[in-house]
Amino acid sequence: MSHRPLRGAGLGFRRELIAPLKSQVPDEIAFFELAPENWAGMGGKSGKDLRHFTERFPFACHGLSLSLGGIAPLDVALLRRIKSFMAEHGMSLYTEHLSWCADESHLYDLLPIPMTEEAVKWTADRIRQAQDILEMRIGIENASYYVAPPGADMSETDFISHIIREADCLLHLDVNNIYVNSRNFGFDPVDFMTALPLERTCYIHVAGHYVEPDGLLVDTHGAEVIDPVWSLLETAYRHTGNVPTCLERDFNIPDISRLTAEVRTIARLQSAIPATEAKAA
C-alpha cells in the first residue's frame, strides 16, 4: 500500500473508539496514531477493523518499547516487524520516546536517560541503527519524568539537541510533557521549548494530565487539555510551522464528540499556519 501524507490534526486510535468511528469519522480528524506493538501481526476482527481504517486514513506509528536509551541490545526483531507492518498499511512516520524501558525484560514504564556525553553517543548510535533498519529517519519524543536522573553534565535541552544532531534524526515534540516537567521541576516551558531544535520537528503530541493532591502533575493522557498547554502548542506552531499534531487520550475516554472538539481546537490553531507534511525521509 502506498503511503498517505500525514497532515493536520489527528487522534490516537483506540479500540474503544472503533464502533463510533466506523459509523462516521468526523471531518476534523485527518489521521490516526497507533502503537505498532499493539497491532502488528493482529488478525481476526481486530486486524480487519484496522485495515478498514488504514485503507481510508493516514496513520502514524508511535512506539512504546524500543528503549532507545537502554543497555540491553536494541530489539532488531521488533524493528523489522514494525517496518513490515508500516509497509503493509502505508505508514510513513515512526516516532519513539527518548527514554529507556527495558533491561532483562520490559519494565512497563518510560524512564529518563542520564544526561551525559556518554549517553548522547550511546543513544544516538542506537537511533542510527534503528533508522538503518527502518530505512527512514525517525522522530524522538521529549519525555515526561518525575525524578531527574543523576550525573548530568548538560541541560536537558542540550541533551536532546545533541542526540538529534548526532543521530541525524527528527524531533517529536510533546508540548504536554514540557508543561508537566516545567511545573514539577520549576522552569519556563517556552524557554525550554524554544531551546530545542524545532526546525527538526516532524510531529507533535498534545494531551491532558492529572494533578495529584500535593500538586505533582502526572502525564496520564486521561483528561482534557488545559489552556496553558493549548497556549504552548500555539507558540510551538509559530516556530515549527503547521506540523501534524495528534491528540492523545488513553484513559477515561469520553464520547467521540468531546474528543472531536479537542481535535477541532488543534485544527483551529493550525489554520493560521501553512500546512507541513510530516518529515520521514
Protein backbone atom coordinates (compact mmCIF):
# COMPACT_ATOMS: atom_id res chain seq x y z
CA MET A 1 0.00 0.00 0.00
CA SER A 2 1.41 3.43 -0.92
CA HIS A 3 1.69 5.85 1.98
CA ARG A 4 -0.81 8.63 2.59
CA PRO A 5 0.58 12.08 3.51
CA LEU A 6 0.28 12.92 7.20
CA ARG A 7 -1.10 16.42 7.73
CA GLY A 8 -3.43 18.31 10.01
CA ALA A 9 -4.96 17.18 13.30
CA GLY A 10 -5.21 13.55 14.39
CA LEU A 11 -6.42 11.28 17.17
CA GLY A 12 -4.99 8.26 18.95
CA PHE A 13 -6.57 5.07 17.60
CA ARG A 14 -8.23 3.19 20.46
CA ARG A 15 -10.29 0.02 20.32
CA GLU A 16 -12.99 1.74 22.38
CA LEU A 17 -13.49 4.22 19.54
CA ILE A 18 -13.72 1.79 16.63
CA ALA A 19 -17.52 1.38 16.69
CA PRO A 20 -18.39 5.11 16.70
CA LEU A 21 -15.65 5.88 14.17
CA LYS A 22 -16.99 3.19 11.84
CA SER A 23 -20.31 4.99 11.89
CA GLN A 24 -18.66 8.27 10.97
CA VAL A 25 -15.20 9.79 11.24
CA PRO A 26 -15.62 13.50 11.99
CA ASP A 27 -14.20 15.78 9.30
CA GLU A 28 -11.83 17.35 11.82
CA ILE A 29 -9.86 14.09 12.21
CA ALA A 30 -7.30 13.98 9.40
CA PHE A 31 -5.27 10.98 10.60
CA PHE A 32 -4.86 8.44 13.41
CA GLU A 33 -1.94 7.27 15.54
CA LEU A 34 -1.29 3.82 16.92
CA ALA A 35 1.37 1.90 18.83
CA PRO A 36 2.68 -0.75 16.41
CA GLU A 37 3.45 -3.16 19.29
CA ASN A 38 -0.31 -3.36 19.92
CA TRP A 39 -1.34 -4.04 16.31
CA ALA A 40 1.46 -5.64 14.26
CA GLY A 41 0.52 -9.20 13.34
CA MET A 42 -3.02 -8.78 14.65
CA GLY A 43 -5.52 -10.99 12.85
CA GLY A 44 -9.21 -11.72 13.14
CA LYS A 45 -11.74 -8.97 13.76
CA SER A 46 -9.14 -6.54 15.15
CA GLY A 47 -6.99 -6.93 12.06
CA LYS A 48 -9.98 -6.34 9.78
CA ASP A 49 -11.01 -3.30 11.81
CA LEU A 50 -7.54 -1.81 11.47
CA ARG A 51 -7.46 -2.46 7.73
CA HIS A 52 -10.84 -0.73 7.41
CA PHE A 53 -9.26 2.49 8.68
CA THR A 54 -5.75 2.26 7.18
CA GLU A 55 -7.31 1.91 3.72
CA ARG A 56 -9.11 5.22 4.25
CA PHE A 57 -6.90 7.37 6.50
CA PRO A 58 -3.21 8.10 7.09
CA PHE A 59 -1.71 6.60 10.26
CA ALA A 60 1.36 7.50 12.33
CA CYS A 61 3.30 4.85 14.29
CA HIS A 62 4.35 5.83 17.81
CA GLY A 63 6.42 3.17 19.55
CA LEU A 64 6.29 2.24 23.23
CA SER A 65 9.02 -0.30 23.84
CA LEU A 66 12.15 0.23 21.76
CA SER A 67 14.09 1.50 24.81
CA LEU A 68 16.40 3.76 22.82
CA GLY A 69 18.42 4.69 25.92
CA GLY A 70 18.55 1.21 27.43
CA ILE A 71 21.58 -1.02 27.90
CA ALA A 72 20.05 -4.21 26.51
CA PRO A 73 20.68 -4.87 22.80
CA LEU A 74 18.33 -2.99 20.51
CA ASP A 75 15.29 -5.10 19.62
CA VAL A 76 16.09 -5.67 15.94
CA ALA A 77 13.31 -8.23 15.53
CA LEU A 78 10.78 -5.67 16.73
CA LEU A 79 12.11 -3.06 14.30
CA ARG A 80 11.85 -5.48 11.39
CA ARG A 81 8.29 -6.34 12.41
CA ILE A 82 7.44 -2.63 12.58
CA LYS A 83 8.99 -2.00 9.17
CA SER A 84 6.87 -4.75 7.61
CA PHE A 85 3.74 -3.55 9.41
CA MET A 86 4.24 0.04 8.24
CA ALA A 87 4.75 -1.08 4.63
CA GLU A 88 1.65 -3.28 4.81
CA HIS A 89 -0.51 -0.36 5.95
CA GLY A 90 1.10 2.51 4.02
CA MET A 91 2.54 4.28 7.09
CA SER A 92 5.49 6.61 6.66
CA LEU A 93 6.21 8.11 10.10
CA TYR A 94 7.63 6.30 13.12
CA THR A 95 8.47 8.01 16.41
CA GLU A 96 9.70 6.77 19.79
CA HIS A 97 10.30 8.10 23.28
CA LEU A 98 13.70 9.40 24.33
CA SER A 99 13.81 7.06 27.32
CA TRP A 100 14.60 3.53 28.39
CA CYS A 101 12.04 0.93 29.39
CA ALA A 102 13.72 -2.47 29.40
CA ASP A 103 16.65 -4.37 30.88
CA GLU A 104 16.33 -8.14 31.01
CA SER A 105 12.60 -7.65 30.46
CA HIS A 106 10.22 -4.76 29.85
CA LEU A 107 9.67 -2.50 32.86
CA TYR A 108 6.35 -1.06 31.63
CA ASP A 109 7.49 2.46 32.35
CA LEU A 110 9.36 5.14 30.38
CA LEU A 111 12.40 6.15 32.41
CA PRO A 112 14.72 9.13 31.85
CA ILE A 113 18.23 8.74 30.43
CA PRO A 114 21.21 10.25 32.31
CA MET A 115 22.09 13.47 30.51
CA THR A 116 25.77 12.82 29.80
CA GLU A 117 28.07 12.86 26.77
CA GLU A 118 28.40 9.08 27.02
CA ALA A 119 24.61 8.68 26.91
CA VAL A 120 24.39 11.01 23.90
CA LYS A 121 26.76 8.82 21.90
CA TRP A 122 25.15 5.57 23.08
CA THR A 123 21.60 6.68 22.33
CA ALA A 124 22.47 8.33 19.01
CA ASP A 125 24.18 5.13 17.86
CA ARG A 126 21.03 3.15 18.67
CA ILE A 127 18.82 5.65 16.86
CA ARG A 128 21.06 5.43 13.79
CA GLN A 129 20.82 1.64 13.95
CA ALA A 130 17.02 1.86 14.12
CA GLN A 131 16.96 4.26 11.18
CA ASP A 132 19.17 1.97 9.11
CA ILE A 133 16.80 -0.95 9.71
CA LEU A 134 13.63 1.05 9.06
CA GLU A 135 15.26 2.88 6.13
CA MET A 136 13.84 6.20 7.30
CA ARG A 137 14.56 8.98 9.75
CA ILE A 138 12.56 8.64 12.94
CA GLY A 139 11.28 11.20 15.43
CA ILE A 140 12.30 11.07 19.08
CA GLU A 141 9.89 12.42 21.69
CA ASN A 142 10.90 14.54 24.67
CA ALA A 143 9.72 12.57 27.68
CA SER A 144 7.97 13.38 30.94
CA TYR A 145 9.69 12.18 34.10
CA TYR A 146 9.31 12.52 37.86
CA VAL A 147 12.84 12.03 39.18
CA ALA A 148 15.74 13.73 37.38
CA PRO A 149 18.47 11.21 36.50
CA PRO A 150 21.74 11.77 38.41
CA GLY A 151 25.12 12.69 36.99
CA ALA A 152 24.02 15.19 34.34
CA ASP A 153 26.78 17.15 32.65
CA MET A 154 24.47 19.15 30.37
CA SER A 155 20.95 20.59 30.32
CA GLU A 156 18.03 18.53 29.06
CA THR A 157 17.61 20.76 26.01
CA ASP A 158 21.29 20.36 25.14
CA PHE A 159 21.00 16.61 25.68
CA ILE A 160 18.05 16.29 23.31
CA SER A 161 19.65 18.63 20.76
CA HIS A 162 22.99 16.77 20.78
CA ILE A 163 21.26 13.40 20.26
CA ILE A 164 19.15 14.70 17.37
CA ARG A 165 22.16 16.16 15.60
CA GLU A 166 24.45 13.20 16.34
CA ALA A 167 21.85 10.69 15.11
CA ASP A 168 20.58 12.92 12.28
CA CYS A 169 17.03 12.14 13.34
CA LEU A 170 13.90 14.22 13.82
CA LEU A 171 12.12 15.73 16.83
CA HIS A 172 8.73 14.54 18.00
CA LEU A 173 7.64 17.47 20.18
CA ASP A 174 5.30 16.73 23.09
CA VAL A 175 4.03 20.03 24.48
CA ASN A 176 2.19 18.46 27.43
CA ASN A 177 5.37 16.69 28.54
CA ILE A 178 7.17 20.03 28.54
CA TYR A 179 4.39 21.64 30.56
CA VAL A 180 4.24 18.76 33.09
CA ASN A 181 8.01 18.82 33.61
CA SER A 182 8.07 22.61 33.85
CA ARG A 183 5.56 22.58 36.70
CA ASN A 184 7.21 19.67 38.51
CA PHE A 185 10.78 20.98 38.19
CA GLY A 186 10.23 24.75 38.10
CA PHE A 187 11.35 26.03 34.70
CA ASP A 188 9.82 28.18 31.96
CA PRO A 189 8.16 25.92 29.34
CA VAL A 190 8.52 28.39 26.47
CA ASP A 191 12.23 28.92 27.16
CA PHE A 192 12.71 25.15 27.28
CA MET A 193 10.78 24.53 24.08
CA THR A 194 12.49 27.22 22.05
CA ALA A 195 15.92 25.89 23.09
CA LEU A 196 15.14 22.63 21.24
CA PRO A 197 15.99 22.18 17.52
CA LEU A 198 12.42 22.96 16.50
CA GLU A 199 13.39 23.11 12.83
CA ARG A 200 13.64 19.31 13.03
CA THR A 201 10.07 18.87 14.34
CA CYS A 202 8.21 16.20 12.37
CA TYR A 203 5.25 15.60 14.68
CA ILE A 204 3.57 17.00 17.81
CA HIS A 205 1.61 15.49 20.71
CA VAL A 206 -0.87 17.31 22.89
CA ALA A 207 -2.65 15.72 25.86
CA GLY A 208 -4.18 16.19 29.28
CA HIS A 209 -2.67 15.27 32.63
CA TYR A 210 -3.61 14.63 36.26
CA VAL A 211 -2.79 16.83 39.24
CA GLU A 212 -2.01 14.95 42.45
CA PRO A 213 -3.25 16.40 45.79
CA ASP A 214 0.30 17.59 46.55
CA GLY A 215 0.47 19.46 43.21
CA LEU A 216 2.57 16.94 41.27
CA LEU A 217 1.50 16.72 37.64
CA VAL A 218 1.30 13.24 36.08
CA ASP A 219 1.24 12.71 32.33
CA THR A 220 -1.77 10.37 32.19
CA HIS A 221 -3.38 11.23 28.83
CA GLY A 222 -6.57 10.79 30.79
CA ALA A 223 -8.08 14.28 30.88
CA GLU A 224 -8.88 17.22 28.64
CA VAL A 225 -6.09 19.52 27.50
CA ILE A 226 -5.84 22.64 29.68
CA ASP A 227 -5.44 26.22 28.47
CA PRO A 228 -1.70 26.63 29.27
CA VAL A 229 -0.94 23.55 27.16
CA TRP A 230 -3.04 24.88 24.29
CA SER A 231 -1.11 28.14 24.58
CA LEU A 232 2.19 26.26 24.44
CA LEU A 233 1.00 24.43 21.32
CA GLU A 234 0.09 27.73 19.68
CA THR A 235 3.56 29.05 20.48
CA ALA A 236 5.12 25.88 19.06
CA TYR A 237 3.40 26.37 15.71
CA ARG A 238 4.95 29.82 15.37
CA HIS A 239 8.36 28.08 15.41
CA THR A 240 7.65 24.74 13.72
CA GLY A 241 5.02 25.62 11.18
CA ASN A 242 1.82 23.61 10.82
CA VAL A 243 3.18 20.21 11.82
CA PRO A 244 0.89 17.13 12.04
CA THR A 245 -0.42 17.02 15.61
CA CYS A 246 -2.13 14.20 17.49
CA LEU A 247 -4.45 14.38 20.49
CA GLU A 248 -3.51 11.61 22.94
CA ARG A 249 -6.30 10.19 25.08
CA ASP A 250 -5.56 6.79 26.59
CA PHE A 251 -7.74 6.66 29.73
CA ASN A 252 -11.15 7.98 30.83
CA ILE A 253 -12.05 8.08 27.15
CA PRO A 254 -15.12 10.29 26.58
CA ASP A 255 -17.54 10.09 23.67
CA ILE A 256 -16.30 10.95 20.22
CA SER A 257 -17.94 14.39 20.21
CA ARG A 258 -15.80 15.60 23.14
CA LEU A 259 -12.62 14.24 21.55
CA THR A 260 -13.57 15.84 18.25
CA ALA A 261 -13.93 19.21 19.98
CA GLU A 262 -10.29 18.97 21.12
CA VAL A 263 -9.11 17.85 17.68
CA ARG A 264 -11.03 20.84 16.30
CA THR A 265 -9.02 23.11 18.61
CA ILE A 266 -5.79 21.69 17.16
CA ALA A 267 -7.07 22.34 13.64
CA ARG A 268 -8.08 25.90 14.56
CA LEU A 269 -4.63 26.67 15.93
CA GLN A 270 -3.07 25.16 12.80
CA SER A 271 -5.31 27.12 10.46
CA ALA A 272 -3.20 30.29 10.55
CA ILE A 273 -0.02 28.35 9.66
CA PRO A 274 0.85 26.87 6.22
CA ALA A 275 0.40 23.07 6.27
CA THR A 276 3.51 20.88 6.51
CA GLU A 277 3.66 17.15 5.74
CA ALA A 278 5.37 15.01 8.36
CA LYS A 279 9.08 14.55 7.60
CA ALA A 280 10.04 10.92 7.20
CA ALA A 281 12.82 10.84 4.62
